[in-house]
C-alpha atoms as a PDB file:
ATOM      1  CA  MET A   1     102.185  87.979  97.200  1.00  0.00           C
ATOM      2  CA  PRO A   2      99.917  90.214  99.293  1.00  0.00           C
ATOM      3  CA  THR A   3     101.440  92.920 101.455  1.00  0.00           C
ATOM      4  CA  THR A   4     101.519  92.269 105.192  1.00  0.00           C
ATOM      5  CA  LYS A   5     100.860  95.457 107.147  1.00  0.00           C
ATOM      6  CA  VAL A   6     102.560  95.298 110.530  1.00  0.00           C
ATOM      7  CA  LEU A   7     101.901  97.674 113.401  1.00  0.00           C
ATOM      8  CA  ALA A   8     105.010  97.929 115.583  1.00  0.00           C
ATOM      9  CA  LEU A   9     104.703  99.041 119.206  1.00  0.00           C
ATOM     10  CA  SER A  10     107.483  99.881 121.634  1.00  0.00           C
ATOM     11  CA  GLY A  11     106.848  99.660 125.332  1.00  0.00           C
ATOM     12  CA  SER A  12     109.441 102.354 125.937  1.00  0.00           C
ATOM     13  CA  LEU A  13     108.595 106.006 125.374  1.00  0.00           C
ATOM     14  CA  ARG A  14     112.210 107.267 125.313  1.00  0.00           C
ATOM     15  CA  ALA A  15     113.351 108.599 121.926  1.00  0.00           C
ATOM     16  CA  LYS A  16     116.717 106.805 122.185  1.00  0.00           C
ATOM     17  CA  SER A  17     115.235 103.597 123.554  1.00  0.00           C
ATOM     18  CA  SER A  18     116.899 100.385 122.446  1.00  0.00           C
ATOM     19  CA  ASN A  19     113.419  98.903 122.004  1.00  0.00           C
ATOM     20  CA  LYS A  20     112.576 101.651 119.546  1.00  0.00           C
ATOM     21  CA  GLY A  21     115.949 100.851 117.972  1.00  0.00           C
ATOM     22  CA  LEU A  22     114.836  97.243 117.488  1.00  0.00           C
ATOM     23  CA  LEU A  23     111.699  98.495 115.739  1.00  0.00           C
ATOM     24  CA  ARG A  24     113.615 100.963 113.571  1.00  0.00           C
ATOM     25  CA  TYR A  25     115.946  98.158 112.510  1.00  0.00           C
ATOM     26  CA  ALA A  26     112.971  95.920 111.734  1.00  0.00           C
ATOM     27  CA  GLN A  27     111.292  98.669 109.713  1.00  0.00           C
ATOM     28  CA  ALA A  28     114.461  99.305 107.677  1.00  0.00           C
ATOM     29  CA  ASN A  29     114.998  95.578 107.084  1.00  0.00           C
ATOM     30  CA  ALA A  30     111.458  94.318 106.523  1.00  0.00           C
ATOM     31  CA  PRO A  31     111.246  91.477 104.036  1.00  0.00           C
ATOM     32  CA  GLU A  32     109.696  92.031 100.635  1.00  0.00           C
ATOM     33  CA  GLY A  33     105.932  92.287 100.917  1.00  0.00           C
ATOM     34  CA  MET A  34     105.961  93.645 104.473  1.00  0.00           C
ATOM     35  CA  GLN A  35     105.284  97.225 105.553  1.00  0.00           C
ATOM     36  CA  ILE A  36     106.029  98.177 109.152  1.00  0.00           C
ATOM     37  CA  GLU A  37     104.462 101.235 110.739  1.00  0.00           C
ATOM     38  CA  ILE A  38     105.742 102.261 114.166  1.00  0.00           C
ATOM     39  CA  ALA A  39     103.059 103.559 116.531  1.00  0.00           C
ATOM     40  CA  ASP A  40     103.685 106.599 118.702  1.00  0.00           C
ATOM     41  CA  LEU A  41     102.396 105.853 122.192  1.00  0.00           C
ATOM     42  CA  SER A  42     103.798 108.982 123.851  1.00  0.00           C
ATOM     43  CA  ASP A  43     100.478 110.886 123.945  1.00  0.00           C
ATOM     44  CA  VAL A  44      98.115 107.957 124.559  1.00  0.00           C
ATOM     45  CA  PRO A  45      96.473 108.466 127.977  1.00  0.00           C
ATOM     46  CA  PHE A  46      95.861 105.570 130.325  1.00  0.00           C
ATOM     47  CA  TYR A  47      92.733 103.667 129.446  1.00  0.00           C
ATOM     48  CA  ASN A  48      89.758 104.946 131.435  1.00  0.00           C
ATOM     49  CA  ALA A  49      86.194 103.840 130.704  1.00  0.00           C
ATOM     50  CA  ASP A  50      84.998 107.265 131.861  1.00  0.00           C
ATOM     51  CA  ILE A  51      86.654 108.896 128.835  1.00  0.00           C
ATOM     52  CA  THR A  52      83.714 109.218 126.475  1.00  0.00           C
ATOM     53  CA  GLU A  53      85.455 111.156 123.696  1.00  0.00           C
ATOM     54  CA  GLN A  54      88.584 109.396 122.498  1.00  0.00           C
ATOM     55  CA  PRO A  55      91.628 111.679 122.366  1.00  0.00           C
ATOM     56  CA  THR A  56      93.277 112.141 118.967  1.00  0.00           C
ATOM     57  CA  ALA A  57      96.252 109.957 119.933  1.00  0.00           C
ATOM     58  CA  VAL A  58      93.874 107.111 120.809  1.00  0.00           C
ATOM     59  CA  LYS A  59      91.894 107.490 117.579  1.00  0.00           C
ATOM     60  CA  THR A  60      95.147 107.353 115.607  1.00  0.00           C
ATOM     61  CA  LEU A  61      96.353 104.275 117.475  1.00  0.00           C
ATOM     62  CA  LEU A  62      93.062 102.423 117.065  1.00  0.00           C
ATOM     63  CA  ALA A  63      93.031 103.210 113.332  1.00  0.00           C
ATOM     64  CA  GLN A  64      96.537 101.738 113.108  1.00  0.00           C
ATOM     65  CA  PHE A  65      95.396  98.592 114.924  1.00  0.00           C
ATOM     66  CA  ALA A  66      92.424  98.319 112.562  1.00  0.00           C
ATOM     67  CA  THR A  67      94.507  98.371 109.378  1.00  0.00           C
ATOM     68  CA  ALA A  68      97.244  96.044 110.670  1.00  0.00           C
ATOM     69  CA  ASP A  69      97.435  92.439 109.558  1.00  0.00           C
ATOM     70  CA  ALA A  70      99.967  91.647 112.278  1.00  0.00           C
ATOM     71  CA  PHE A  71     101.826  93.167 115.215  1.00  0.00           C
ATOM     72  CA  LEU A  72     105.451  93.522 116.258  1.00  0.00           C
ATOM     73  CA  PHE A  73     105.942  94.244 119.960  1.00  0.00           C
ATOM     74  CA  ALA A  74     109.233  95.403 121.487  1.00  0.00           C
ATOM     75  CA  GLY A  75     109.365  96.277 125.109  1.00  0.00           C
ATOM     76  CA  PRO A  76     111.508  96.630 128.178  1.00  0.00           C
ATOM     77  CA  GLU A  77     110.925  94.671 131.346  1.00  0.00           C
ATOM     78  CA  TYR A  78     109.535  96.641 134.275  1.00  0.00           C
ATOM     79  CA  ASN A  79     109.419  94.772 137.581  1.00  0.00           C
ATOM     80  CA  TYR A  80     109.426  91.392 135.786  1.00  0.00           C
ATOM     81  CA  SER A  81     106.504  92.446 133.610  1.00  0.00           C
ATOM     82  CA  ILE A  82     105.236  94.442 130.640  1.00  0.00           C
ATOM     83  CA  SER A  83     105.754  98.193 130.552  1.00  0.00           C
ATOM     84  CA  PRO A  84     102.643 100.312 131.224  1.00  0.00           C
ATOM     85  CA  ALA A  85     102.790 101.982 127.789  1.00  0.00           C
ATOM     86  CA  LEU A  86     102.606  98.674 125.939  1.00  0.00           C
ATOM     87  CA  LYS A  87      99.875  97.206 128.138  1.00  0.00           C
ATOM     88  CA  ASN A  88      97.894 100.445 127.869  1.00  0.00           C
ATOM     89  CA  ALA A  89      97.941 100.331 124.050  1.00  0.00           C
ATOM     90  CA  ILE A  90      96.599  96.778 124.144  1.00  0.00           C
ATOM     91  CA  ASP A  91      93.975  97.772 126.726  1.00  0.00           C
ATOM     92  CA  TRP A  92      92.629 100.529 124.468  1.00  0.00           C
ATOM     93  CA  ALA A  93      92.514  98.223 121.432  1.00  0.00           C
ATOM     94  CA  SER A  94      90.899  95.372 123.357  1.00  0.00           C
ATOM     95  CA  ARG A  95      87.788  97.448 124.036  1.00  0.00           C
ATOM     96  CA  ALA A  96      86.683  97.423 120.403  1.00  0.00           C
ATOM     97  CA  PRO A  97      83.438  95.511 119.846  1.00  0.00           C
ATOM     98  CA  ASP A  98      84.022  91.786 119.321  1.00  0.00           C
ATOM     99  CA  ASN A  99      87.765  92.334 119.858  1.00  0.00           C
ATOM    100  CA  ALA A 100      87.894  93.273 116.167  1.00  0.00           C
ATOM    101  CA  LEU A 101      91.227  95.125 116.363  1.00  0.00           C
ATOM    102  CA  LEU A 102      93.247  92.295 117.914  1.00  0.00           C
ATOM    103  CA  GLY A 103      91.528  88.930 117.644  1.00  0.00           C
ATOM    104  CA  GLY A 104      93.009  86.369 115.290  1.00  0.00           C
ATOM    105  CA  LYS A 105      95.993  88.472 114.237  1.00  0.00           C
ATOM    106  CA  ALA A 106      99.615  87.332 114.242  1.00  0.00           C
ATOM    107  CA  ALA A 107     102.252  88.861 116.477  1.00  0.00           C
ATOM    108  CA  ALA A 108     105.974  88.750 117.048  1.00  0.00           C
ATOM    109  CA  VAL A 109     107.687  89.776 120.265  1.00  0.00           C
ATOM    110  CA  MET A 110     111.188  91.000 120.981  1.00  0.00           C
ATOM    111  CA  GLY A 111     112.770  93.176 123.594  1.00  0.00           C
ATOM    112  CA  SER A 112     115.825  94.857 124.979  1.00  0.00           C
ATOM    113  CA  GLY A 113     116.596  95.331 128.626  1.00  0.00           C
ATOM    114  CA  GLY A 114     119.004  94.338 131.355  1.00  0.00           C
ATOM    115  CA  GLY A 115     119.873  90.985 132.802  1.00  0.00           C
ATOM    116  CA  MET A 116     117.825  88.353 131.000  1.00  0.00           C
ATOM    117  CA  GLY A 117     116.925  90.740 128.178  1.00  0.00           C
ATOM    118  CA  THR A 118     113.154  91.021 128.786  1.00  0.00           C
ATOM    119  CA  SER A 119     112.384  87.300 128.812  1.00  0.00           C
ATOM    120  CA  ARG A 120     109.941  87.550 131.717  1.00  0.00           C
ATOM    121  CA  ALA A 121     108.119  90.521 130.179  1.00  0.00           C
ATOM    122  CA  GLN A 122     107.831  88.695 126.863  1.00  0.00           C
ATOM    123  CA  TYR A 123     106.326  85.646 128.542  1.00  0.00           C
ATOM    124  CA  HIS A 124     103.933  87.855 130.494  1.00  0.00           C
ATOM    125  CA  LEU A 125     102.891  89.590 127.257  1.00  0.00           C
ATOM    126  CA  ARG A 126     102.076  86.163 125.816  1.00  0.00           C
ATOM    127  CA  GLN A 127      99.631  85.677 128.696  1.00  0.00           C
ATOM    128  CA  VAL A 128      97.863  88.872 127.645  1.00  0.00           C
ATOM    129  CA  PHE A 129      97.685  87.487 124.105  1.00  0.00           C
ATOM    130  CA  VAL A 130      95.634  84.539 125.325  1.00  0.00           C
ATOM    131  CA  PHE A 131      92.800  86.800 126.467  1.00  0.00           C
ATOM    132  CA  THR A 132      93.011  89.139 123.455  1.00  0.00           C
ATOM    133  CA  ASP A 133      93.233  86.234 120.964  1.00  0.00           C
ATOM    134  CA  ILE A 134      96.487  87.497 119.450  1.00  0.00           C
ATOM    135  CA  HIS A 135      98.472  84.625 117.912  1.00  0.00           C
ATOM    136  CA  PRO A 136     102.192  84.981 118.652  1.00  0.00           C
ATOM    137  CA  ILE A 137     105.077  83.311 116.897  1.00  0.00           C
ATOM    138  CA  ASN A 138     106.872  80.948 119.249  1.00  0.00           C
ATOM    139  CA  LYS A 139     110.296  81.076 117.584  1.00  0.00           C
ATOM    140  CA  PRO A 140     112.696  82.640 117.057  1.00  0.00           C
ATOM    141  CA  GLU A 141     112.911  84.464 120.351  1.00  0.00           C
ATOM    142  CA  VAL A 142     114.780  87.783 120.329  1.00  0.00           C
ATOM    143  CA  PHE A 143     116.221  88.928 123.654  1.00  0.00           C
ATOM    144  CA  ALA A 144     118.731  91.785 123.587  1.00  0.00           C
ATOM    145  CA  ASN A 145     120.754  93.254 126.426  1.00  0.00           C
ATOM    146  CA  ALA A 146     120.519  97.040 126.255  1.00  0.00           C
ATOM    147  CA  PHE A 147     123.669  97.437 128.350  1.00  0.00           C
ATOM    148  CA  ALA A 148     126.082  95.007 126.679  1.00  0.00           C
ATOM    149  CA  GLY A 149     127.195  97.003 123.624  1.00  0.00           C
ATOM    150  CA  GLN A 150     124.470  95.730 121.265  1.00  0.00           C
ATOM    151  CA  PHE A 151     123.171  99.275 120.642  1.00  0.00           C
ATOM    152  CA  ASP A 152     124.810 102.635 119.976  1.00  0.00           C
ATOM    153  CA  ALA A 153     124.258 105.782 122.071  1.00  0.00           C
ATOM    154  CA  ASP A 154     121.134 106.636 120.041  1.00  0.00           C
ATOM    155  CA  GLY A 155     119.525 103.246 120.684  1.00  0.00           C
ATOM    156  CA  ASN A 156     120.252 101.853 117.227  1.00  0.00           C
ATOM    157  CA  LEU A 157     120.853  98.110 116.974  1.00  0.00           C
ATOM    158  CA  THR A 158     124.482  97.353 116.051  1.00  0.00           C
ATOM    159  CA  ASP A 159     124.884  93.684 117.035  1.00  0.00           C
ATOM    160  CA  GLU A 160     124.899  91.385 113.976  1.00  0.00           C
ATOM    161  CA  ARG A 161     123.607  88.357 115.898  1.00  0.00           C
ATOM    162  CA  ILE A 162     120.565  90.277 117.143  1.00  0.00           C
ATOM    163  CA  GLN A 163     120.087  91.826 113.686  1.00  0.00           C
ATOM    164  CA  ASP A 164     119.944  88.321 112.185  1.00  0.00           C
ATOM    165  CA  GLY A 165     117.445  87.308 114.870  1.00  0.00           C
ATOM    166  CA  VAL A 166     115.204  90.261 114.019  1.00  0.00           C
ATOM    167  CA  LYS A 167     115.305  89.359 110.316  1.00  0.00           C
ATOM    168  CA  GLN A 168     114.398  85.742 111.109  1.00  0.00           C
ATOM    169  CA  LEU A 169     111.568  86.929 113.356  1.00  0.00           C
ATOM    170  CA  LEU A 170     110.167  89.136 110.578  1.00  0.00           C
ATOM    171  CA  ALA A 171     110.306  86.292 108.063  1.00  0.00           C
ATOM    172  CA  ALA A 172     108.442  84.041 110.508  1.00  0.00           C
ATOM    173  CA  LEU A 173     105.881  86.797 111.156  1.00  0.00           C
ATOM    174  CA  ALA A 174     105.227  87.209 107.431  1.00  0.00           C
ATOM    175  CA  THR A 175     104.629  83.480 107.008  1.00  0.00           C
ATOM    176  CA  TRP A 176     102.481  83.160 110.146  1.00  0.00           C
ATOM    177  CA  SER A 177     100.363  86.207 109.286  1.00  0.00           C
ATOM    178  CA  LEU A 178      99.609  84.858 105.799  1.00  0.00           C
ATOM    179  CA  GLN A 179      98.629  81.466 107.253  1.00  0.00           C
ATOM    180  CA  LEU A 180      96.230  83.070 109.712  1.00  0.00           C
ATOM    181  CA  ARG A 181      94.612  85.198 107.004  1.00  0.00           C
ATOM    182  CA  LYS A 182      93.803  82.187 104.755  1.00  0.00           C
END
């Protein structure tokens, strides 16, 4: 079985973010044949077409997009939408010629936040996928509440139900990514 290389991106920049906790859990519990690399978006500047020399953080991120077979997005919900950090990472990658870094690749989405647990942001992110030709998994959906005891003080996922959901999501991502690469 070929290895599926997954680039994981958190829309939250906080070190103890529950969204980063979701990604850490996924990385530690990836199914056999899957490698998950978590991108660091903290130094990636906002996309600006006037920037002619890509900063090091952007070069690193774009190289990670290039080698990924699939993506795993985890993000909070800001004003019923995607966080700027997550959208910015996609904006940088979408400028590659022929959409080579994003187009045709599989993706899974999950998130942790208040209230409805990032459902609106996840659906908005799926709209962005239409333009960028990213192919998301429809199910399972993973919505976590960051304020309901599902994470510890360091942002680590502790809720068994959400942990099971993440594992199911990763299994579905592995299958979907292989199908798209055939």
